[in-house]
Every structure is written in structure tokens, then in C-alpha cells.
């Protein structure tokens, strides 16, 4: 069971995720807004769900982005 995902963008000022979508194994989705560009955590809370996997699709990045990615992803039940 999870109800919070925490994403950490790459910790540099050039590579920045500006939008995305979290897709869960139960078929649900959660929109992802701009992540903190300094590598600090950005949390997304939602109704509790039972999942076996999740996928982040990056839908938008800053114009200076050359390497799309995360430094870390965390899943919690809070």
C-alpha cells in the first residue's frame, strides 16, 4: 500500500523535469508537476492504493535539459 511518492530530480541546474505522469500497476495515474531543480524532494500524495510497480513518464523538461532522469524515487504509506 502506498499513498505518497517522493521524486528527486537530478541535482544540477541544467536538467529539470517540468511535468510527467506516474502510472501504477492498478491502472491509475497521478500527474507530476515541476520537480525541485536542486535535487531536493518533491512529494506527491494521493489516495492509498495497492500496487506492485510504478512508472514515471516524463512529459516535459526545461529547454536546457540534456539528460532526463531522477536521482531517486521513494514510495511511502503515510
PDB file of N, CA and C in Angstrom:
ATOM      1  N   UNK A   1       0.848  -1.183   0.000  1.00  0.00           N
ATOM      2  CA  UNK A   1       0.000   0.000   0.000  1.00  0.00           C
ATOM      3  C   UNK A   1       0.892   1.244   0.000  1.00  0.00           C
ATOM      4  N   UNK A   2       0.579   2.171  -0.865  1.00  0.00           N
ATOM      5  CA  UNK A   2       1.294   3.442  -0.919  1.00  0.00           C
ATOM      6  C   UNK A   2       0.290   4.578  -1.065  1.00  0.00           C
ATOM      7  N   UNK A   3       0.687   5.752  -0.581  1.00  0.00           N
ATOM      8  CA  UNK A   3      -0.126   6.951  -0.790  1.00  0.00           C
ATOM      9  C   UNK A   3       0.738   8.198  -0.953  1.00  0.00           C
ATOM     10  N   UNK A   4       2.045   7.994  -1.074  1.00  0.00           N
ATOM     11  CA  UNK A   4       2.949   9.121  -1.326  1.00  0.00           C
ATOM     12  C   UNK A   4       4.142   8.627  -2.138  1.00  0.00           C
ATOM     13  N   UNK A   5       4.448   9.372  -3.190  1.00  0.00           N
ATOM     14  CA  UNK A   5       5.663   9.148  -3.968  1.00  0.00           C
ATOM     15  C   UNK A   5       6.496  10.417  -3.842  1.00  0.00           C
ATOM     16  N   UNK A   6       7.778  10.246  -3.584  1.00  0.00           N
ATOM     17  CA  UNK A   6       8.696  11.374  -3.490  1.00  0.00           C
ATOM     18  C   UNK A   6       9.723  11.219  -4.602  1.00  0.00           C
ATOM     19  N   UNK A   7       9.852  12.268  -5.422  1.00  0.00           N
ATOM     20  CA  UNK A   7      10.785  12.268  -6.540  1.00  0.00           C
ATOM     21  C   UNK A   7      11.898  13.273  -6.287  1.00  0.00           C
ATOM     22  N   UNK A   8      13.096  12.908  -6.683  1.00  0.00           N
ATOM     23  CA  UNK A   8      14.272  13.768  -6.566  1.00  0.00           C
ATOM     24  C   UNK A   8      14.841  13.946  -7.964  1.00  0.00           C
ATOM     25  N   UNK A   9      14.768  15.170  -8.489  1.00  0.00           N
ATOM     26  CA  UNK A   9      15.301  15.454  -9.815  1.00  0.00           C
ATOM     27  C   UNK A   9      16.825  15.394  -9.775  1.00  0.00           C
ATOM     28  N   UNK A  10      17.434  15.349 -10.933  1.00  0.00           N
ATOM     29  CA  UNK A  10      18.898  15.378 -10.989  1.00  0.00           C
ATOM     30  C   UNK A  10      19.378  16.672 -10.329  1.00  0.00           C
ATOM     31  N   UNK A  11      20.391  16.595  -9.459  1.00  0.00           N
ATOM     32  CA  UNK A  11      20.812  17.773  -8.678  1.00  0.00           C
ATOM     33  C   UNK A  11      21.757  18.701  -9.441  1.00  0.00           C
ATOM     34  N   UNK A  12      21.261  19.263 -10.530  1.00  0.00           N
ATOM     35  CA  UNK A  12      22.013  20.298 -11.243  1.00  0.00           C
ATOM     36  C   UNK A  12      21.019  21.279 -11.842  1.00  0.00           C
ATOM     37  N   UNK A  13      21.472  22.424 -12.230  1.00  0.00           N
ATOM     38  CA  UNK A  13      20.561  23.463 -12.701  1.00  0.00           C
ATOM     39  C   UNK A  13      20.190  23.330 -14.175  1.00  0.00           C
ATOM     40  N   UNK A  14      20.843  22.418 -14.909  1.00  0.00           N
ATOM     41  CA  UNK A  14      20.564  22.277 -16.337  1.00  0.00           C
ATOM     42  C   UNK A  14      19.447  21.289 -16.649  1.00  0.00           C
ATOM     43  N   UNK A  15      19.387  20.179 -15.936  1.00  0.00           N
ATOM     44  CA  UNK A  15      18.426  19.119 -16.227  1.00  0.00           C
ATOM     45  C   UNK A  15      17.239  19.228 -15.278  1.00  0.00           C
ATOM     46  N   UNK A  16      16.059  19.481 -15.833  1.00  0.00           N
ATOM     47  CA  UNK A  16      14.885  19.713 -14.986  1.00  0.00           C
ATOM     48  C   UNK A  16      13.636  19.104 -15.604  1.00  0.00           C
ATOM     49  N   UNK A  17      12.947  18.269 -14.829  1.00  0.00           N
ATOM     50  CA  UNK A  17      11.647  17.732 -15.236  1.00  0.00           C
ATOM     51  C   UNK A  17      10.578  18.756 -14.872  1.00  0.00           C
ATOM     52  N   UNK A  18       9.768  19.137 -15.855  1.00  0.00           N
ATOM     53  CA  UNK A  18       8.727  20.141 -15.625  1.00  0.00           C
ATOM     54  C   UNK A  18       7.322  19.537 -15.577  1.00  0.00           C
ATOM     55  N   UNK A  19       7.164  18.321 -16.074  1.00  0.00           N
ATOM     56  CA  UNK A  19       5.871  17.636 -15.970  1.00  0.00           C
ATOM     57  C   UNK A  19       6.058  16.157 -16.267  1.00  0.00           C
ATOM     58  N   UNK A  20       5.110  15.382 -15.767  1.00  0.00           N
ATOM     59  CA  UNK A  20       5.170  13.944 -16.001  1.00  0.00           C
ATOM     60  C   UNK A  20       3.915  13.266 -15.513  1.00  0.00           C
ATOM     61  N   UNK A  21       3.918  11.943 -15.594  1.00  0.00           N
ATOM     62  CA  UNK A  21       2.793  11.133 -15.159  1.00  0.00           C
ATOM     63  C   UNK A  21       3.313   9.895 -14.445  1.00  0.00           C
ATOM     64  N   UNK A  22       2.794   9.642 -13.249  1.00  0.00           N
ATOM     65  CA  UNK A  22       3.055   8.390 -12.552  1.00  0.00           C
ATOM     66  C   UNK A  22       1.957   7.417 -12.937  1.00  0.00           C
ATOM     67  N   UNK A  23       2.333   6.269 -13.470  1.00  0.00           N
ATOM     68  CA  UNK A  23       1.391   5.202 -13.817  1.00  0.00           C
ATOM     69  C   UNK A  23       1.618   4.059 -12.841  1.00  0.00           C
ATOM     70  N   UNK A  24       0.533   3.537 -12.287  1.00  0.00           N
ATOM     71  CA  UNK A  24       0.617   2.478 -11.288  1.00  0.00           C
ATOM     72  C   UNK A  24       0.079   1.162 -11.841  1.00  0.00           C
ATOM     73  N   UNK A  25       0.495   0.062 -11.228  1.00  0.00           N
ATOM     74  CA  UNK A  25       0.093  -1.269 -11.686  1.00  0.00           C
ATOM     75  C   UNK A  25      -1.416  -1.490 -11.636  1.00  0.00           C
ATOM     76  N   UNK A  26      -2.145  -0.708 -10.840  1.00  0.00           N
ATOM     77  CA  UNK A  26      -3.602  -0.845 -10.785  1.00  0.00           C
ATOM     78  C   UNK A  26      -4.302  -0.062 -11.900  1.00  0.00           C
ATOM     79  N   UNK A  27      -3.519   0.580 -12.783  1.00  0.00           N
ATOM     80  CA  UNK A  27      -4.073   1.333 -13.903  1.00  0.00           C
ATOM     81  C   UNK A  27      -4.318   2.800 -13.624  1.00  0.00           C
ATOM     82  N   UNK A  28      -4.149   3.230 -12.394  1.00  0.00           N
ATOM     83  CA  UNK A  28      -4.375   4.635 -12.057  1.00  0.00           C
ATOM     84  C   UNK A  28      -3.153   5.476 -12.430  1.00  0.00           C
ATOM     85  N   UNK A  29      -3.378   6.786 -12.480  1.00  0.00           N
ATOM     86  CA  UNK A  29      -2.333   7.741 -12.847  1.00  0.00           C
ATOM     87  C   UNK A  29      -2.370   8.929 -11.887  1.00  0.00           C
ATOM     88  N   UNK A  30      -1.207   9.540 -11.696  1.00  0.00           N
ATOM     89  CA  UNK A  30      -1.089  10.773 -10.919  1.00  0.00           C
ATOM     90  C   UNK A  30      -0.223  11.737 -11.724  1.00  0.00           C
ATOM     91  N   UNK A  31      -0.714  12.967 -11.912  1.00  0.00           N
ATOM     92  CA  UNK A  31       0.055  13.979 -12.631  1.00  0.00           C
ATOM     93  C   UNK A  31       1.233  14.448 -11.783  1.00  0.00           C
ATOM     94  N   UNK A  32       2.356  14.676 -12.440  1.00  0.00           N
ATOM     95  CA  UNK A  32       3.569  15.163 -11.783  1.00  0.00           C
ATOM     96  C   UNK A  32       3.835  16.574 -12.289  1.00  0.00           C
ATOM     97  N   UNK A  33       3.965  17.505 -11.359  1.00  0.00           N
ATOM     98  CA  UNK A  33       4.287  18.885 -11.718  1.00  0.00           C
ATOM     99  C   UNK A  33       5.813  19.067 -11.667  1.00  0.00           C
ATOM    100  N   UNK A  34       6.279  20.285 -11.841  1.00  0.00           N
ATOM    101  CA  UNK A  34       7.707  20.585 -11.858  1.00  0.00           C
ATOM    102  C   UNK A  34       8.391  20.111 -10.583  1.00  0.00           C
ATOM    103  N   UNK A  35       9.491  19.399 -10.753  1.00  0.00           N
ATOM    104  CA  UNK A  35      10.279  18.924  -9.615  1.00  0.00           C
ATOM    105  C   UNK A  35      11.258  19.999  -9.178  1.00  0.00           C
ATOM    106  N   UNK A  36      11.600  19.998  -7.897  1.00  0.00           N
ATOM    107  CA  UNK A  36      12.609  20.929  -7.377  1.00  0.00           C
ATOM    108  C   UNK A  36      13.899  20.708  -8.164  1.00  0.00           C
ATOM    109  N   UNK A  37      14.479  21.767  -8.689  1.00  0.00           N
ATOM    110  CA  UNK A  37      15.624  21.665  -9.590  1.00  0.00           C
ATOM    111  C   UNK A  37      16.957  21.504  -8.865  1.00  0.00           C
ATOM    112  N   UNK A  38      16.951  21.513  -7.552  1.00  0.00           N
ATOM    113  CA  UNK A  38      18.210  21.414  -6.799  1.00  0.00           C
ATOM    114  C   UNK A  38      18.421  20.030  -6.203  1.00  0.00           C
ATOM    115  N   UNK A  39      17.601  19.064  -6.608  1.00  0.00           N
ATOM    116  CA  UNK A  39      17.738  17.705  -6.103  1.00  0.00           C
ATOM    117  C   UNK A  39      17.021  17.451  -4.797  1.00  0.00           C
ATOM    118  N   UNK A  40      16.341  18.452  -4.262  1.00  0.00           N
ATOM    119  CA  UNK A  40      15.591  18.246  -3.024  1.00  0.00           C
ATOM    120  C   UNK A  40      14.281  17.518  -3.336  1.00  0.00           C
ATOM    121  N   UNK A  41      13.624  16.937  -2.331  1.00  0.00           N
ATOM    122  CA  UNK A  41      12.443  16.118  -2.581  1.00  0.00           C
ATOM    123  C   UNK A  41      11.207  16.916  -3.007  1.00  0.00           C
ATOM    124  N   UNK A  42      10.432  16.307  -3.910  1.00  0.00           N
ATOM    125  CA  UNK A  42       9.118  16.820  -4.283  1.00  0.00           C
ATOM    126  C   UNK A  42       8.133  15.684  -4.067  1.00  0.00           C
ATOM    127  N   UNK A  43       7.169  15.876  -3.161  1.00  0.00           N
ATOM    128  CA  UNK A  43       6.233  14.815  -2.774  1.00  0.00           C
ATOM    129  C   UNK A  43       4.908  14.948  -3.512  1.00  0.00           C
ATOM    130  N   UNK A  44       4.320  13.797  -3.838  1.00  0.00           N
ATOM    131  CA  UNK A  44       3.007  13.713  -4.461  1.00  0.00           C
ATOM    132  C   UNK A  44       2.165  12.754  -3.635  1.00  0.00           C
ATOM    133  N   UNK A  45       1.092  13.280  -3.030  1.00  0.00           N
ATOM    134  CA  UNK A  45       0.199  12.490  -2.185  1.00  0.00           C
ATOM    135  C   UNK A  45      -1.073  12.156  -2.961  1.00  0.00           C
ATOM    136  N   UNK A  46      -1.644  11.005  -2.665  1.00  0.00           N
ATOM    137  CA  UNK A  46      -2.835  10.537  -3.369  1.00  0.00           C
ATOM    138  C   UNK A  46      -3.537   9.516  -2.490  1.00  0.00           C
ATOM    139  N   UNK A  47      -4.731   9.101  -2.895  1.00  0.00           N
ATOM    140  CA  UNK A  47      -5.481   8.095  -2.151  1.00  0.00           C
ATOM    141  C   UNK A  47      -4.682   6.792  -2.122  1.00  0.00           C
ATOM    142  N   UNK A  48      -4.730   6.129  -0.994  1.00  0.00           N
ATOM    143  CA  UNK A  48      -3.956   4.898  -0.813  1.00  0.00           C
ATOM    144  C   UNK A  48      -4.328   3.857  -1.866  1.00  0.00           C
ATOM    145  N   UNK A  49      -3.298   3.175  -2.378  1.00  0.00           N
ATOM    146  CA  UNK A  49      -3.523   2.143  -3.388  1.00  0.00           C
ATOM    147  C   UNK A  49      -2.568   0.992  -3.173  1.00  0.00           C
ATOM    148  N   UNK A  50      -2.987  -0.179  -3.589  1.00  0.00           N
ATOM    149  CA  UNK A  50      -2.156  -1.379  -3.517  1.00  0.00           C
ATOM    150  C   UNK A  50      -1.560  -1.604  -4.900  1.00  0.00           C
ATOM    151  N   UNK A  51      -0.232  -1.554  -4.997  1.00  0.00           N
ATOM    152  CA  UNK A  51       0.430  -1.679  -6.298  1.00  0.00           C
ATOM    153  C   UNK A  51       1.617  -2.633  -6.196  1.00  0.00           C
ATOM    154  N   UNK A  52       2.050  -3.102  -7.347  1.00  0.00           N
ATOM    155  CA  UNK A  52       3.255  -3.922  -7.412  1.00  0.00           C
ATOM    156  C   UNK A  52       4.376  -3.220  -8.168  1.00  0.00           C
ATOM    157  N   UNK A  53       4.024  -2.196  -8.939  1.00  0.00           N
ATOM    158  CA  UNK A  53       5.031  -1.414  -9.650  1.00  0.00           C
ATOM    159  C   UNK A  53       4.485  -0.032  -9.973  1.00  0.00           C
ATOM    160  N   UNK A  54       5.403   0.869 -10.324  1.00  0.00           N
ATOM    161  CA  UNK A  54       5.028   2.193 -10.810  1.00  0.00           C
ATOM    162  C   UNK A  54       6.011   2.601 -11.890  1.00  0.00           C
ATOM    163  N   UNK A  55       5.560   3.501 -12.738  1.00  0.00           N
ATOM    164  CA  UNK A  55       6.393   4.010 -13.820  1.00  0.00           C
ATOM    165  C   UNK A  55       6.214   5.519 -13.898  1.00  0.00           C
ATOM    166  N   UNK A  56       7.324   6.229 -14.049  1.00  0.00           N
ATOM    167  CA  UNK A  56       7.277   7.669 -14.289  1.00  0.00           C
ATOM    168  C   UNK A  56       7.536   7.910 -15.762  1.00  0.00           C
ATOM    169  N   UNK A  57       6.573   8.556 -16.406  1.00  0.00           N
ATOM    170  CA  UNK A  57       6.772   9.019 -17.777  1.00  0.00           C
ATOM    171  C   UNK A  57       7.039  10.508 -17.706  1.00  0.00           C
ATOM    172  N   UNK A  58       8.149  10.947 -18.264  1.00  0.00           N
ATOM    173  CA  UNK A  58       8.493  12.368 -18.290  1.00  0.00           C
ATOM    174  C   UNK A  58       7.826  12.978 -19.512  1.00  0.00           C
ATOM    175  N   UNK A  59       6.955  13.965 -19.270  1.00  0.00           N
ATOM    176  CA  UNK A  59       6.205  14.612 -20.345  1.00  0.00           C
ATOM    177  C   UNK A  59       6.805  15.950 -20.766  1.00  0.00           C
ATOM    178  N   UNK A  60       7.555  16.600 -19.868  1.00  0.00           N
ATOM    179  CA  UNK A  60       8.135  17.893 -20.186  1.00  0.00           C
ATOM    180  C   UNK A  60       9.424  18.125 -19.418  1.00  0.00           C
ATOM    181  N   UNK A  61      10.344  18.828 -20.067  1.00  0.00           N
ATOM    182  CA  UNK A  61      11.626  19.176 -19.437  1.00  0.00           C
ATOM    183  C   UNK A  61      11.964  20.622 -19.772  1.00  0.00           C
ATOM    184  N   UNK A  62      12.921  21.183 -19.033  1.00  0.00           N
ATOM    185  CA  UNK A  62      13.366  22.548 -19.316  1.00  0.00           C
ATOM    186  C   UNK A  62      14.136  22.582 -20.639  1.00  0.00           C
ATOM    187  N   UNK A  63      14.269  23.757 -21.214  1.00  0.00           N
ATOM    188  CA  UNK A  63      14.959  23.896 -22.503  1.00  0.00           C
ATOM    189  C   UNK A  63      16.450  23.583 -22.399  1.00  0.00           C
ATOM    190  N   UNK A  64      17.011  23.620 -21.200  1.00  0.00           N
ATOM    191  CA  UNK A  64      18.439  23.339 -21.021  1.00  0.00           C
ATOM    192  C   UNK A  64      18.726  21.864 -20.706  1.00  0.00           C
ATOM    193  N   UNK A  65      17.697  21.042 -20.639  1.00  0.00           N
ATOM    194  CA  UNK A  65      17.868  19.634 -20.264  1.00  0.00           C
ATOM    195  C   UNK A  65      18.545  18.843 -21.375  1.00  0.00           C
ATOM    196  N   UNK A  66      19.602  18.144 -20.992  1.00  0.00           N
ATOM    197  CA  UNK A  66      20.305  17.241 -21.905  1.00  0.00           C
ATOM    198  C   UNK A  66      20.197  15.797 -21.445  1.00  0.00           C
ATOM    199  N   UNK A  67      20.055  15.583 -20.118  1.00  0.00           N
ATOM    200  CA  UNK A  67      19.991  14.239 -19.537  1.00  0.00           C
ATOM    201  C   UNK A  67      18.754  14.134 -18.648  1.00  0.00           C
ATOM    202  N   UNK A  68      17.706  13.526 -19.176  1.00  0.00           N
ATOM    203  CA  UNK A  68      16.468  13.371 -18.417  1.00  0.00           C
ATOM    204  C   UNK A  68      16.641  12.232 -17.422  1.00  0.00           C
ATOM    205  N   UNK A  69      16.222  12.461 -16.188  1.00  0.00           N
ATOM    206  CA  UNK A  69      16.274  11.383 -15.218  1.00  0.00           C
ATOM    207  C   UNK A  69      16.059  11.870 -13.813  1.00  0.00           C
ATOM    208  N   UNK A  70      16.042  10.916 -12.904  1.00  0.00           N
ATOM    209  CA  UNK A  70      15.882  11.185 -11.476  1.00  0.00           C
ATOM    210  C   UNK A  70      17.147  10.767 -10.761  1.00  0.00           C
ATOM    211  N   UNK A  71      17.383  11.370  -9.608  1.00  0.00           N
ATOM    212  CA  UNK A  71      18.455  10.867  -8.750  1.00  0.00           C
ATOM    213  C   UNK A  71      17.912   9.857  -7.764  1.00  0.00           C
ATOM    214  N   UNK A  72      16.586   9.934  -7.461  1.00  0.00           N
ATOM    215  CA  UNK A  72      15.999   8.995  -6.501  1.00  0.00           C
ATOM    216  C   UNK A  72      14.479   9.045  -6.620  1.00  0.00           C
ATOM    217  N   UNK A  73      13.848   7.920  -6.283  1.00  0.00           N
ATOM    218  CA  UNK A  73      12.407   7.826  -6.175  1.00  0.00           C
ATOM    219  C   UNK A  73      12.097   7.019  -4.912  1.00  0.00           C
ATOM    220  N   UNK A  74      11.092   7.495  -4.145  1.00  0.00           N
ATOM    221  CA  UNK A  74      10.708   6.810  -2.914  1.00  0.00           C
ATOM    222  C   UNK A  74       9.192   6.610  -2.912  1.00  0.00           C
ATOM    223  N   UNK A  75       8.749   5.495  -2.357  1.00  0.00           N
ATOM    224  CA  UNK A  75       7.323   5.203  -2.223  1.00  0.00           C
ATOM    225  C   UNK A  75       7.021   4.952  -0.750  1.00  0.00           C
ATOM    226  N   UNK A  76       5.941   5.580  -0.247  1.00  0.00           N
ATOM    227  CA  UNK A  76       5.602   5.512   1.178  1.00  0.00           C
ATOM    228  C   UNK A  76       4.126   5.244   1.388  1.00  0.00           C
ATOM    229  N   UNK A  77       3.832   4.730   2.543  1.00  0.00           N
ATOM    230  CA  UNK A  77       2.479   4.707   3.082  1.00  0.00           C
ATOM    231  C   UNK A  77       2.545   5.562   4.352  1.00  0.00           C
ATOM    232  N   UNK A  78       1.925   6.732   4.302  1.00  0.00           N
ATOM    233  CA  UNK A  78       1.984   7.663   5.450  1.00  0.00           C
ATOM    234  C   UNK A  78       0.618   7.851   6.061  1.00  0.00           C
TER     235      UNK A  78
END
